[in-house]
């Protein structure tokens, strides 16, 4: 039975769910893949834990409760360099401007010959092409399901299910928060600000919802997908964005009267001038399949040359779903 050592960087809400699911699925990995999977290291901003034999649940719980840095000289890169692991799961905060610590962790892991599973988007937005090239050079895998709409299949849809096809158009509702806000405005007649506050109270939106509401989340996912699935050198700054916050009650009334439904839609389209991507506020006709995608539900629709049009709807928008997407990537690695 092959031993697989896992290190996890980022121990917030998603990271904790990843650790929990890893523990719960140990027997599954043994039975299906003859794999002895052990979480041997966990790091967060205040410090890190490492046990080459595997971390115990009690130690993880205590680590999660710590409020201050264990030592002022905490050096995450030095910590990662000392770990003996086969796979890095990166679930830290996303910094879409610089890549943040996540970019350094993934580069370091790939350079060491570790497979890397990215949940946070920042590193992939900033340098997917460089990280992908490094993974190929080292003969390891870089997996990104958790960063590309998580429970909604996107990158796997392109690379596995549609292998050999020419993809002619992609459109999707990639951000559950914005879909919830627009659905609430249409169905309950409330303002965008009230819908945002409601989403925050339910834990759907962040205390600062700008990243989702202003279209950055959707644009980040489009940036990664365009680079990963189409080899398009698109940057986040190249993608025009629309804001849900700017939707007015008058627009809502007009759309209701005309039988249309507003959606924040991300699009990718190959053109004669290269790959084009955009985040647009669209009022779709009631007959459009997106009109029936409500609440936090996400969706993707793809037009191809030989397989026709395909659409996938669903996928939870919560930390457990994001963790499960990362561990789907893990199973793909174990299966090979």
C-alpha atoms as a PDB file:
ATOM      1  CA  UNK A   1       0.000   0.000   0.000  1.00  0.00           C
ATOM      2  CA  UNK A   2       1.423   3.358  -1.039  1.00  0.00           C
ATOM      3  CA  UNK A   3       1.811   6.046   1.606  1.00  0.00           C
ATOM      4  CA  UNK A   4       0.670   9.569   0.642  1.00  0.00           C
ATOM      5  CA  UNK A   5       1.665  12.437   2.932  1.00  0.00           C
ATOM      6  CA  UNK A   6      -0.406  15.621   2.663  1.00  0.00           C
ATOM      7  CA  UNK A   7       0.445  19.133   3.824  1.00  0.00           C
ATOM      8  CA  UNK A   8      -2.239  21.788   4.042  1.00  0.00           C
ATOM      9  CA  UNK A   9      -1.521  25.512   3.939  1.00  0.00           C
ATOM     10  CA  UNK A  10      -4.445  27.640   5.054  1.00  0.00           C
ATOM     11  CA  UNK A  11      -6.536  26.513   8.009  1.00  0.00           C
ATOM     12  CA  UNK A  12      -9.618  28.708   7.804  1.00  0.00           C
ATOM     13  CA  UNK A  13     -13.146  27.488   7.180  1.00  0.00           C
ATOM     14  CA  UNK A  14     -12.254  25.560   4.014  1.00  0.00           C
ATOM     15  CA  UNK A  15      -8.978  24.217   5.368  1.00  0.00           C
ATOM     16  CA  UNK A  16     -10.684  22.815   8.448  1.00  0.00           C
ATOM     17  CA  UNK A  17     -13.235  21.038   6.279  1.00  0.00           C
ATOM     18  CA  UNK A  18     -10.451  19.570   4.163  1.00  0.00           C
ATOM     19  CA  UNK A  19      -8.772  18.200   7.295  1.00  0.00           C
ATOM     20  CA  UNK A  20     -12.065  16.744   8.510  1.00  0.00           C
ATOM     21  CA  UNK A  21     -12.883  15.062   5.206  1.00  0.00           C
ATOM     22  CA  UNK A  22      -9.365  13.649   4.907  1.00  0.00           C
ATOM     23  CA  UNK A  23      -9.834  11.924   8.251  1.00  0.00           C
ATOM     24  CA  UNK A  24     -13.320  10.644   7.389  1.00  0.00           C
ATOM     25  CA  UNK A  25     -12.241   9.251   4.018  1.00  0.00           C
ATOM     26  CA  UNK A  26      -9.149   7.313   5.099  1.00  0.00           C
ATOM     27  CA  UNK A  27     -10.867   3.958   4.686  1.00  0.00           C
ATOM     28  CA  UNK A  28     -12.214   4.971   1.283  1.00  0.00           C
ATOM     29  CA  UNK A  29      -8.721   5.785   0.039  1.00  0.00           C
ATOM     30  CA  UNK A  30      -7.412   2.486   1.343  1.00  0.00           C
ATOM     31  CA  UNK A  31     -10.154   0.431  -0.289  1.00  0.00           C
ATOM     32  CA  UNK A  32     -10.346   2.208  -3.649  1.00  0.00           C
ATOM     33  CA  UNK A  33      -6.739   3.225  -4.273  1.00  0.00           C
ATOM     34  CA  UNK A  34      -4.698   1.110  -1.856  1.00  0.00           C
ATOM     35  CA  UNK A  35      -3.504   4.447  -0.508  1.00  0.00           C
ATOM     36  CA  UNK A  36      -2.522   5.265   3.061  1.00  0.00           C
ATOM     37  CA  UNK A  37      -3.345   8.997   3.080  1.00  0.00           C
ATOM     38  CA  UNK A  38      -2.105  11.010   6.048  1.00  0.00           C
ATOM     39  CA  UNK A  39      -2.294  14.709   6.843  1.00  0.00           C
ATOM     40  CA  UNK A  40       1.205  15.330   8.190  1.00  0.00           C
ATOM     41  CA  UNK A  41       1.392  19.138   8.153  1.00  0.00           C
ATOM     42  CA  UNK A  42      -0.866  22.159   8.562  1.00  0.00           C
ATOM     43  CA  UNK A  43       0.178  25.804   8.386  1.00  0.00           C
ATOM     44  CA  UNK A  44      -1.577  29.110   8.954  1.00  0.00           C
ATOM     45  CA  UNK A  45      -0.431  32.685   9.496  1.00  0.00           C
ATOM     46  CA  UNK A  46       0.492  32.133  13.150  1.00  0.00           C
ATOM     47  CA  UNK A  47       2.551  28.976  12.722  1.00  0.00           C
ATOM     48  CA  UNK A  48       2.559  25.373  11.610  1.00  0.00           C
ATOM     49  CA  UNK A  49       2.221  21.798  12.811  1.00  0.00           C
ATOM     50  CA  UNK A  50       4.141  18.835  11.454  1.00  0.00           C
ATOM     51  CA  UNK A  51       4.261  15.173  12.363  1.00  0.00           C
ATOM     52  CA  UNK A  52       5.747  12.760   9.812  1.00  0.00           C
ATOM     53  CA  UNK A  53       3.503  10.004  11.173  1.00  0.00           C
ATOM     54  CA  UNK A  54       0.293  12.004  10.738  1.00  0.00           C
ATOM     55  CA  UNK A  55      -1.421  14.701  12.772  1.00  0.00           C
ATOM     56  CA  UNK A  56      -3.883  13.709  15.472  1.00  0.00           C
ATOM     57  CA  UNK A  57      -7.338  15.278  15.633  1.00  0.00           C
ATOM     58  CA  UNK A  58      -6.668  16.638  19.131  1.00  0.00           C
ATOM     59  CA  UNK A  59      -3.594  18.509  17.968  1.00  0.00           C
ATOM     60  CA  UNK A  60      -5.445  19.994  14.987  1.00  0.00           C
ATOM     61  CA  UNK A  61      -8.267  21.202  17.228  1.00  0.00           C
ATOM     62  CA  UNK A  62      -5.839  22.850  19.621  1.00  0.00           C
ATOM     63  CA  UNK A  63      -3.966  24.458  16.716  1.00  0.00           C
ATOM     64  CA  UNK A  64      -7.236  25.859  15.354  1.00  0.00           C
ATOM     65  CA  UNK A  65      -7.886  27.605  18.674  1.00  0.00           C
ATOM     66  CA  UNK A  66      -4.503  29.323  18.921  1.00  0.00           C
ATOM     67  CA  UNK A  67      -4.729  33.099  18.602  1.00  0.00           C
ATOM     68  CA  UNK A  68      -1.116  34.235  18.568  1.00  0.00           C
ATOM     69  CA  UNK A  69       1.990  33.256  16.692  1.00  0.00           C
ATOM     70  CA  UNK A  70       3.897  30.453  18.352  1.00  0.00           C
ATOM     71  CA  UNK A  71       7.123  32.296  17.665  1.00  0.00           C
ATOM     72  CA  UNK A  72       7.973  35.682  16.249  1.00  0.00           C
ATOM     73  CA  UNK A  73      10.393  34.028  13.840  1.00  0.00           C
ATOM     74  CA  UNK A  74       7.734  31.852  12.173  1.00  0.00           C
ATOM     75  CA  UNK A  75       8.884  31.206   8.620  1.00  0.00           C
ATOM     76  CA  UNK A  76       6.337  29.331   6.540  1.00  0.00           C
ATOM     77  CA  UNK A  77       8.697  28.659   3.635  1.00  0.00           C
ATOM     78  CA  UNK A  78      11.313  27.168   5.948  1.00  0.00           C
ATOM     79  CA  UNK A  79       8.599  25.040   7.563  1.00  0.00           C
ATOM     80  CA  UNK A  80       7.414  23.721   4.197  1.00  0.00           C
ATOM     81  CA  UNK A  81      11.000  23.012   3.125  1.00  0.00           C
ATOM     82  CA  UNK A  82      11.430  20.673   6.102  1.00  0.00           C
ATOM     83  CA  UNK A  83       8.243  18.701   5.537  1.00  0.00           C
ATOM     84  CA  UNK A  84       8.337  15.365   3.756  1.00  0.00           C
ATOM     85  CA  UNK A  85       5.144  15.304   1.733  1.00  0.00           C
ATOM     86  CA  UNK A  86       3.801  14.135  -1.602  1.00  0.00           C
ATOM     87  CA  UNK A  87       0.951  16.610  -2.049  1.00  0.00           C
ATOM     88  CA  UNK A  88       0.322  20.215  -1.066  1.00  0.00           C
ATOM     89  CA  UNK A  89      -3.259  21.443  -0.681  1.00  0.00           C
ATOM     90  CA  UNK A  90      -3.237  25.253  -0.719  1.00  0.00           C
ATOM     91  CA  UNK A  91      -6.323  26.789   0.903  1.00  0.00           C
ATOM     92  CA  UNK A  92      -5.059  30.138   2.185  1.00  0.00           C
ATOM     93  CA  UNK A  93      -6.462  33.604   1.488  1.00  0.00           C
ATOM     94  CA  UNK A  94      -6.599  34.699  -2.169  1.00  0.00           C
ATOM     95  CA  UNK A  95      -4.553  37.692  -3.257  1.00  0.00           C
ATOM     96  CA  UNK A  96      -5.430  38.257  -6.908  1.00  0.00           C
ATOM     97  CA  UNK A  97      -3.010  41.176  -7.223  1.00  0.00           C
ATOM     98  CA  UNK A  98       0.260  39.532  -6.150  1.00  0.00           C
ATOM     99  CA  UNK A  99      -0.615  35.893  -5.544  1.00  0.00           C
ATOM    100  CA  UNK A 100       0.291  36.324  -1.878  1.00  0.00           C
ATOM    101  CA  UNK A 101       1.768  33.541   0.213  1.00  0.00           C
ATOM    102  CA  UNK A 102      -0.195  30.978  -1.822  1.00  0.00           C
ATOM    103  CA  UNK A 103       1.932  31.612  -4.895  1.00  0.00           C
ATOM    104  CA  UNK A 104       5.123  30.993  -2.941  1.00  0.00           C
ATOM    105  CA  UNK A 105       3.776  27.810  -1.362  1.00  0.00           C
ATOM    106  CA  UNK A 106       2.687  26.302  -4.679  1.00  0.00           C
ATOM    107  CA  UNK A 107       5.951  27.205  -6.435  1.00  0.00           C
ATOM    108  CA  UNK A 108       7.951  25.758  -3.580  1.00  0.00           C
ATOM    109  CA  UNK A 109       5.914  22.545  -3.497  1.00  0.00           C
ATOM    110  CA  UNK A 110       6.142  21.989  -7.247  1.00  0.00           C
ATOM    111  CA  UNK A 111       9.877  22.658  -7.200  1.00  0.00           C
ATOM    112  CA  UNK A 112      10.227  19.992  -4.485  1.00  0.00           C
ATOM    113  CA  UNK A 113       8.417  17.508  -6.726  1.00  0.00           C
ATOM    114  CA  UNK A 114       5.115  17.621  -4.856  1.00  0.00           C
ATOM    115  CA  UNK A 115       1.736  17.573  -6.536  1.00  0.00           C
ATOM    116  CA  UNK A 116      -0.251  20.735  -5.767  1.00  0.00           C
ATOM    117  CA  UNK A 117      -3.993  21.224  -5.319  1.00  0.00           C
ATOM    118  CA  UNK A 118      -5.065  24.875  -5.323  1.00  0.00           C
ATOM    119  CA  UNK A 119      -8.257  26.009  -3.609  1.00  0.00           C
ATOM    120  CA  UNK A 120      -7.416  29.713  -3.347  1.00  0.00           C
ATOM    121  CA  UNK A 121      -7.489  31.594  -6.644  1.00  0.00           C
ATOM    122  CA  UNK A 122      -4.801  34.253  -6.204  1.00  0.00           C
ATOM    123  CA  UNK A 123      -1.728  32.287  -7.260  1.00  0.00           C
ATOM    124  CA  UNK A 124      -3.518  30.890 -10.319  1.00  0.00           C
ATOM    125  CA  UNK A 125      -4.848  34.292 -11.362  1.00  0.00           C
ATOM    126  CA  UNK A 126      -1.378  35.806 -11.168  1.00  0.00           C
ATOM    127  CA  UNK A 127       0.726  33.019 -12.705  1.00  0.00           C
ATOM    128  CA  UNK A 128      -1.181  29.937 -13.829  1.00  0.00           C
ATOM    129  CA  UNK A 129       0.985  29.530 -16.932  1.00  0.00           C
ATOM    130  CA  UNK A 130       4.212  29.653 -14.928  1.00  0.00           C
ATOM    131  CA  UNK A 131       2.943  27.209 -12.307  1.00  0.00           C
ATOM    132  CA  UNK A 132       1.601  24.849 -14.957  1.00  0.00           C
ATOM    133  CA  UNK A 133       4.932  24.875 -16.800  1.00  0.00           C
ATOM    134  CA  UNK A 134       6.780  24.198 -13.545  1.00  0.00           C
ATOM    135  CA  UNK A 135       4.499  21.244 -12.762  1.00  0.00           C
ATOM    136  CA  UNK A 136       5.159  19.731 -16.193  1.00  0.00           C
ATOM    137  CA  UNK A 137       8.893  20.279 -15.795  1.00  0.00           C
ATOM    138  CA  UNK A 138       8.859  18.451 -12.454  1.00  0.00           C
ATOM    139  CA  UNK A 139       6.552  15.667 -13.666  1.00  0.00           C
ATOM    140  CA  UNK A 140       3.827  16.428 -11.125  1.00  0.00           C
ATOM    141  CA  UNK A 141       0.226  17.584 -11.301  1.00  0.00           C
ATOM    142  CA  UNK A 142      -1.303  20.995 -10.589  1.00  0.00           C
ATOM    143  CA  UNK A 143      -5.024  20.580  -9.853  1.00  0.00           C
ATOM    144  CA  UNK A 144      -7.421  23.532  -9.692  1.00  0.00           C
ATOM    145  CA  UNK A 145     -11.039  22.366  -9.284  1.00  0.00           C
ATOM    146  CA  UNK A 146     -11.507  24.143  -5.963  1.00  0.00           C
ATOM    147  CA  UNK A 147     -10.448  27.470  -7.489  1.00  0.00           C
ATOM    148  CA  UNK A 148     -12.686  27.248 -10.556  1.00  0.00           C
ATOM    149  CA  UNK A 149     -16.241  27.217  -9.137  1.00  0.00           C
ATOM    150  CA  UNK A 150     -15.530  24.344  -6.703  1.00  0.00           C
ATOM    151  CA  UNK A 151     -18.525  21.975  -6.671  1.00  0.00           C
ATOM    152  CA  UNK A 152     -19.634  23.101 -10.143  1.00  0.00           C
ATOM    153  CA  UNK A 153     -17.544  21.103 -12.650  1.00  0.00           C
ATOM    154  CA  UNK A 154     -15.687  23.493 -14.954  1.00  0.00           C
ATOM    155  CA  UNK A 155     -12.061  22.659 -15.671  1.00  0.00           C
ATOM    156  CA  UNK A 156     -12.777  18.909 -15.575  1.00  0.00           C
ATOM    157  CA  UNK A 157     -15.668  19.444 -17.973  1.00  0.00           C
ATOM    158  CA  UNK A 158     -13.286  21.017 -20.470  1.00  0.00           C
ATOM    159  CA  UNK A 159     -10.281  18.724 -20.066  1.00  0.00           C
ATOM    160  CA  UNK A 160     -11.977  15.349 -19.492  1.00  0.00           C
ATOM    161  CA  UNK A 161     -15.576  15.341 -20.723  1.00  0.00           C
ATOM    162  CA  UNK A 162     -15.020  17.516 -23.789  1.00  0.00           C
ATOM    163  CA  UNK A 163     -11.567  16.248 -24.747  1.00  0.00           C
ATOM    164  CA  UNK A 164     -11.113  16.470 -28.509  1.00  0.00           C
ATOM    165  CA  UNK A 165     -13.915  18.979 -28.990  1.00  0.00           C
ATOM    166  CA  UNK A 166     -13.653  22.519 -30.244  1.00  0.00           C
ATOM    167  CA  UNK A 167     -15.212  24.745 -27.587  1.00  0.00           C
ATOM    168  CA  UNK A 168     -16.936  27.619 -29.324  1.00  0.00           C
ATOM    169  CA  UNK A 169     -18.547  29.467 -26.436  1.00  0.00           C
ATOM    170  CA  UNK A 170     -18.679  29.272 -22.650  1.00  0.00           C
ATOM    171  CA  UNK A 171     -21.084  31.123 -20.383  1.00  0.00           C
ATOM    172  CA  UNK A 172     -21.753  30.598 -16.733  1.00  0.00           C
ATOM    173  CA  UNK A 173     -23.186  31.784 -13.454  1.00  0.00           C
ATOM    174  CA  UNK A 174     -19.989  31.259 -11.500  1.00  0.00           C
ATOM    175  CA  UNK A 175     -20.647  33.183  -8.264  1.00  0.00           C
ATOM    176  CA  UNK A 176     -23.397  31.978  -5.936  1.00  0.00           C
ATOM    177  CA  UNK A 177     -23.443  35.212  -3.911  1.00  0.00           C
ATOM    178  CA  UNK A 178     -24.349  37.431  -6.853  1.00  0.00           C
ATOM    179  CA  UNK A 179     -26.984  34.999  -8.051  1.00  0.00           C
ATOM    180  CA  UNK A 180     -28.552  35.022  -4.580  1.00  0.00           C
ATOM    181  CA  UNK A 181     -28.621  38.822  -4.544  1.00  0.00           C
ATOM    182  CA  UNK A 182     -30.235  39.094  -7.975  1.00  0.00           C
ATOM    183  CA  UNK A 183     -32.757  36.351  -7.189  1.00  0.00           C
ATOM    184  CA  UNK A 184     -33.743  38.088  -3.954  1.00  0.00           C
ATOM    185  CA  UNK A 185     -34.200  41.410  -5.726  1.00  0.00           C
ATOM    186  CA  UNK A 186     -36.413  39.862  -8.397  1.00  0.00           C
ATOM    187  CA  UNK A 187     -38.525  37.647  -6.161  1.00  0.00           C
ATOM    188  CA  UNK A 188     -38.828  39.847  -3.070  1.00  0.00           C
ATOM    189  CA  UNK A 189     -38.614  43.354  -4.505  1.00  0.00           C
ATOM    190  CA  UNK A 190     -35.800  44.432  -2.186  1.00  0.00           C
ATOM    191  CA  UNK A 191     -32.862  46.710  -3.028  1.00  0.00           C
ATOM    192  CA  UNK A 192     -29.396  45.432  -3.873  1.00  0.00           C
ATOM    193  CA  UNK A 193     -28.052  46.701  -0.538  1.00  0.00           C
ATOM    194  CA  UNK A 194     -30.791  44.901   1.409  1.00  0.00           C
ATOM    195  CA  UNK A 195     -30.148  41.705  -0.557  1.00  0.00           C
ATOM    196  CA  UNK A 196     -26.410  41.990   0.160  1.00  0.00           C
ATOM    197  CA  UNK A 197     -27.071  42.510   3.889  1.00  0.00           C
ATOM    198  CA  UNK A 198     -29.313  39.457   3.897  1.00  0.00           C
ATOM    199  CA  UNK A 199     -26.606  37.405   2.190  1.00  0.00           C
ATOM    200  CA  UNK A 200     -24.106  38.561   4.811  1.00  0.00           C
ATOM    201  CA  UNK A 201     -26.459  37.618   7.659  1.00  0.00           C
ATOM    202  CA  UNK A 202     -26.828  34.137   6.169  1.00  0.00           C
ATOM    203  CA  UNK A 203     -23.070  33.722   5.791  1.00  0.00           C
ATOM    204  CA  UNK A 204     -23.326  33.680   1.986  1.00  0.00           C
ATOM    205  CA  UNK A 205     -21.510  37.004   1.503  1.00  0.00           C
ATOM    206  CA  UNK A 206     -18.308  38.168   3.194  1.00  0.00           C
ATOM    207  CA  UNK A 207     -18.305  41.130   5.626  1.00  0.00           C
ATOM    208  CA  UNK A 208     -16.740  43.052   2.737  1.00  0.00           C
ATOM    209  CA  UNK A 209     -18.675  41.660  -0.252  1.00  0.00           C
ATOM    210  CA  UNK A 210     -16.846  43.716  -2.889  1.00  0.00           C
ATOM    211  CA  UNK A 211     -14.919  40.805  -4.392  1.00  0.00           C
ATOM    212  CA  UNK A 212     -18.116  38.950  -5.267  1.00  0.00           C
ATOM    213  CA  UNK A 213     -20.532  41.824  -5.845  1.00  0.00           C
ATOM    214  CA  UNK A 214     -18.239  43.819  -8.145  1.00  0.00           C
ATOM    215  CA  UNK A 215     -17.580  40.808 -10.371  1.00  0.00           C
ATOM    216  CA  UNK A 216     -13.994  40.085  -9.303  1.00  0.00           C
ATOM    217  CA  UNK A 217     -14.781  36.517  -8.225  1.00  0.00           C
ATOM    218  CA  UNK A 218     -16.303  35.636 -11.583  1.00  0.00           C
ATOM    219  CA  UNK A 219     -13.503  37.433 -13.434  1.00  0.00           C
ATOM    220  CA  UNK A 220     -10.882  35.539 -11.417  1.00  0.00           C
ATOM    221  CA  UNK A 221     -12.436  32.209 -12.338  1.00  0.00           C
ATOM    222  CA  UNK A 222     -12.588  33.234 -15.992  1.00  0.00           C
ATOM    223  CA  UNK A 223      -8.914  34.237 -15.897  1.00  0.00           C
ATOM    224  CA  UNK A 224      -7.889  30.827 -14.577  1.00  0.00           C
ATOM    225  CA  UNK A 225     -10.158  28.896 -16.958  1.00  0.00           C
ATOM    226  CA  UNK A 226      -9.039  30.878 -19.996  1.00  0.00           C
ATOM    227  CA  UNK A 227      -5.405  30.165 -19.158  1.00  0.00           C
ATOM    228  CA  UNK A 228      -5.915  26.531 -18.160  1.00  0.00           C
ATOM    229  CA  UNK A 229      -8.395  25.349 -20.781  1.00  0.00           C
ATOM    230  CA  UNK A 230      -7.574  27.623 -23.711  1.00  0.00           C
ATOM    231  CA  UNK A 231      -3.891  28.483 -23.099  1.00  0.00           C
ATOM    232  CA  UNK A 232      -4.940  32.133 -23.376  1.00  0.00           C
ATOM    233  CA  UNK A 233      -2.581  34.660 -21.745  1.00  0.00           C
ATOM    234  CA  UNK A 234      -5.479  36.611 -20.233  1.00  0.00           C
ATOM    235  CA  UNK A 235      -4.937  38.733 -17.140  1.00  0.00           C
ATOM    236  CA  UNK A 236      -7.563  39.711 -14.588  1.00  0.00           C
ATOM    237  CA  UNK A 237      -7.200  43.336 -15.702  1.00  0.00           C
ATOM    238  CA  UNK A 238      -8.109  42.314 -19.268  1.00  0.00           C
ATOM    239  CA  UNK A 239     -11.631  41.250 -18.286  1.00  0.00           C
ATOM    240  CA  UNK A 240     -14.388  43.886 -18.193  1.00  0.00           C
ATOM    241  CA  UNK A 241     -16.660  43.523 -15.165  1.00  0.00           C
ATOM    242  CA  UNK A 242     -20.214  44.418 -14.198  1.00  0.00           C
ATOM    243  CA  UNK A 243     -21.463  45.138 -10.679  1.00  0.00           C
ATOM    244  CA  UNK A 244     -24.606  43.742  -9.067  1.00  0.00           C
ATOM    245  CA  UNK A 245     -24.607  46.661  -6.640  1.00  0.00           C
ATOM    246  CA  UNK A 246     -25.572  49.052  -9.434  1.00  0.00           C
ATOM    247  CA  UNK A 247     -28.855  47.296 -10.243  1.00  0.00           C
ATOM    248  CA  UNK A 248     -31.766  49.647  -9.472  1.00  0.00           C
ATOM    249  CA  UNK A 249     -35.405  48.957  -8.504  1.00  0.00           C
ATOM    250  CA  UNK A 250     -36.419  50.579 -11.770  1.00  0.00           C
ATOM    251  CA  UNK A 251     -34.386  48.042 -13.742  1.00  0.00           C
ATOM    252  CA  UNK A 252     -35.905  45.199 -11.749  1.00  0.00           C
ATOM    253  CA  UNK A 253     -39.415  46.482 -12.512  1.00  0.00           C
ATOM    254  CA  UNK A 254     -38.603  46.792 -16.204  1.00  0.00           C
ATOM    255  CA  UNK A 255     -37.187  43.259 -16.371  1.00  0.00           C
ATOM    256  CA  UNK A 256     -40.205  41.829 -14.565  1.00  0.00           C
ATOM    257  CA  UNK A 257     -42.575  43.518 -16.977  1.00  0.00           C
ATOM    258  CA  UNK A 258     -40.680  42.261 -20.020  1.00  0.00           C
ATOM    259  CA  UNK A 259     -40.399  38.721 -18.637  1.00  0.00           C
ATOM    260  CA  UNK A 260     -36.633  38.768 -18.371  1.00  0.00           C
ATOM    261  CA  UNK A 261     -34.358  37.677 -15.512  1.00  0.00           C
ATOM    262  CA  UNK A 262     -31.044  39.360 -14.535  1.00  0.00           C
ATOM    263  CA  UNK A 263     -27.928  37.238 -14.137  1.00  0.00           C
ATOM    264  CA  UNK A 264     -24.255  38.034 -13.659  1.00  0.00           C
ATOM    265  CA  UNK A 265     -22.740  35.949 -16.448  1.00  0.00           C
ATOM    266  CA  UNK A 266     -19.116  35.166 -17.169  1.00  0.00           C
ATOM    267  CA  UNK A 267     -18.281  34.395 -20.788  1.00  0.00           C
ATOM    268  CA  UNK A 268     -15.327  32.978 -22.701  1.00  0.00           C
ATOM    269  CA  UNK A 269     -15.404  32.994 -26.492  1.00  0.00           C
ATOM    270  CA  UNK A 270     -12.714  32.098 -29.031  1.00  0.00           C
ATOM    271  CA  UNK A 271     -12.565  34.757 -31.745  1.00  0.00           C
ATOM    272  CA  UNK A 272     -10.386  35.591 -34.742  1.00  0.00           C
ATOM    273  CA  UNK A 273      -8.538  37.989 -32.438  1.00  0.00           C
ATOM    274  CA  UNK A 274      -7.979  35.411 -29.711  1.00  0.00           C
ATOM    275  CA  UNK A 275      -9.855  34.389 -26.588  1.00  0.00           C
ATOM    276  CA  UNK A 276     -12.245  37.038 -25.256  1.00  0.00           C
ATOM    277  CA  UNK A 277     -13.644  36.976 -21.720  1.00  0.00           C
ATOM    278  CA  UNK A 278     -16.085  39.256 -19.901  1.00  0.00           C
ATOM    279  CA  UNK A 279     -18.312  39.525 -16.839  1.00  0.00           C
ATOM    280  CA  UNK A 280     -21.662  40.939 -17.895  1.00  0.00           C
ATOM    281  CA  UNK A 281     -24.986  41.737 -16.289  1.00  0.00           C
ATOM    282  CA  UNK A 282     -27.478  40.122 -18.638  1.00  0.00           C
ATOM    283  CA  UNK A 283     -31.266  40.133 -18.572  1.00  0.00           C
ATOM    284  CA  UNK A 284     -31.966  36.735 -20.105  1.00  0.00           C
ATOM    285  CA  UNK A 285     -35.281  35.686 -21.597  1.00  0.00           C
ATOM    286  CA  UNK A 286     -37.528  33.492 -19.452  1.00  0.00           C
ATOM    287  CA  UNK A 287     -36.885  30.646 -21.903  1.00  0.00           C
ATOM    288  CA  UNK A 288     -33.121  30.773 -21.336  1.00  0.00           C
ATOM    289  CA  UNK A 289     -31.942  27.919 -19.076  1.00  0.00           C
ATOM    290  CA  UNK A 290     -30.169  30.411 -16.795  1.00  0.00           C
ATOM    291  CA  UNK A 291     -33.523  32.002 -15.923  1.00  0.00           C
ATOM    292  CA  UNK A 292     -34.347  28.963 -13.797  1.00  0.00           C
ATOM    293  CA  UNK A 293     -31.014  28.989 -11.938  1.00  0.00           C
ATOM    294  CA  UNK A 294     -31.893  30.653  -8.630  1.00  0.00           C
ATOM    295  CA  UNK A 295     -30.445  31.432  -5.217  1.00  0.00           C
ATOM    296  CA  UNK A 296     -26.823  30.420  -4.687  1.00  0.00           C
ATOM    297  CA  UNK A 297     -26.982  27.826  -7.453  1.00  0.00           C
ATOM    298  CA  UNK A 298     -24.321  28.056 -10.172  1.00  0.00           C
ATOM    299  CA  UNK A 299     -24.340  26.879 -13.787  1.00  0.00           C
ATOM    300  CA  UNK A 300     -22.177  26.529 -16.868  1.00  0.00           C
ATOM    301  CA  UNK A 301     -23.212  26.144 -20.513  1.00  0.00           C
ATOM    302  CA  UNK A 302     -20.758  25.145 -23.241  1.00  0.00           C
ATOM    303  CA  UNK A 303     -21.192  25.140 -27.025  1.00  0.00           C
ATOM    304  CA  UNK A 304     -19.018  22.642 -28.922  1.00  0.00           C
ATOM    305  CA  UNK A 305     -18.481  21.612 -32.512  1.00  0.00           C
ATOM    306  CA  UNK A 306     -19.303  17.896 -32.341  1.00  0.00           C
ATOM    307  CA  UNK A 307     -20.931  17.219 -28.960  1.00  0.00           C
ATOM    308  CA  UNK A 308     -23.469  20.006 -29.257  1.00  0.00           C
ATOM    309  CA  UNK A 309     -24.408  22.182 -26.295  1.00  0.00           C
ATOM    310  CA  UNK A 310     -23.980  20.991 -22.722  1.00  0.00           C
ATOM    311  CA  UNK A 311     -25.143  22.544 -19.472  1.00  0.00           C
ATOM    312  CA  UNK A 312     -24.394  21.688 -15.864  1.00  0.00           C
ATOM    313  CA  UNK A 313     -26.436  23.231 -13.035  1.00  0.00           C
ATOM    314  CA  UNK A 314     -25.840  22.952  -9.307  1.00  0.00           C
ATOM    315  CA  UNK A 315     -23.035  22.590  -6.845  1.00  0.00           C
ATOM    316  CA  UNK A 316     -23.200  23.925  -3.316  1.00  0.00           C
ATOM    317  CA  UNK A 317     -21.568  27.262  -2.492  1.00  0.00           C
ATOM    318  CA  UNK A 318     -20.100  26.607   0.945  1.00  0.00           C
ATOM    319  CA  UNK A 319     -16.810  25.578   2.601  1.00  0.00           C
ATOM    320  CA  UNK A 320     -17.684  21.875   2.594  1.00  0.00           C
ATOM    321  CA  UNK A 321     -18.292  21.929  -1.161  1.00  0.00           C
ATOM    322  CA  UNK A 322     -14.996  23.756  -1.756  1.00  0.00           C
ATOM    323  CA  UNK A 323     -13.194  21.188   0.383  1.00  0.00           C
ATOM    324  CA  UNK A 324     -14.877  18.338  -1.480  1.00  0.00           C
ATOM    325  CA  UNK A 325     -13.748  19.817  -4.810  1.00  0.00           C
ATOM    326  CA  UNK A 326     -10.153  19.835  -3.577  1.00  0.00           C
ATOM    327  CA  UNK A 327     -10.431  16.222  -2.482  1.00  0.00           C
ATOM    328  CA  UNK A 328     -11.928  15.280  -5.835  1.00  0.00           C
ATOM    329  CA  UNK A 329      -8.616  16.489  -7.238  1.00  0.00           C
ATOM    330  CA  UNK A 330      -6.835  14.367  -4.655  1.00  0.00           C
ATOM    331  CA  UNK A 331      -8.683  11.270  -5.833  1.00  0.00           C
ATOM    332  CA  UNK A 332      -7.707  12.017  -9.435  1.00  0.00           C
ATOM    333  CA  UNK A 333      -4.072  12.066  -8.308  1.00  0.00           C
ATOM    334  CA  UNK A 334      -4.438   8.871  -6.259  1.00  0.00           C
ATOM    335  CA  UNK A 335      -6.118   7.054  -9.154  1.00  0.00           C
ATOM    336  CA  UNK A 336      -3.069   7.598 -11.375  1.00  0.00           C
END
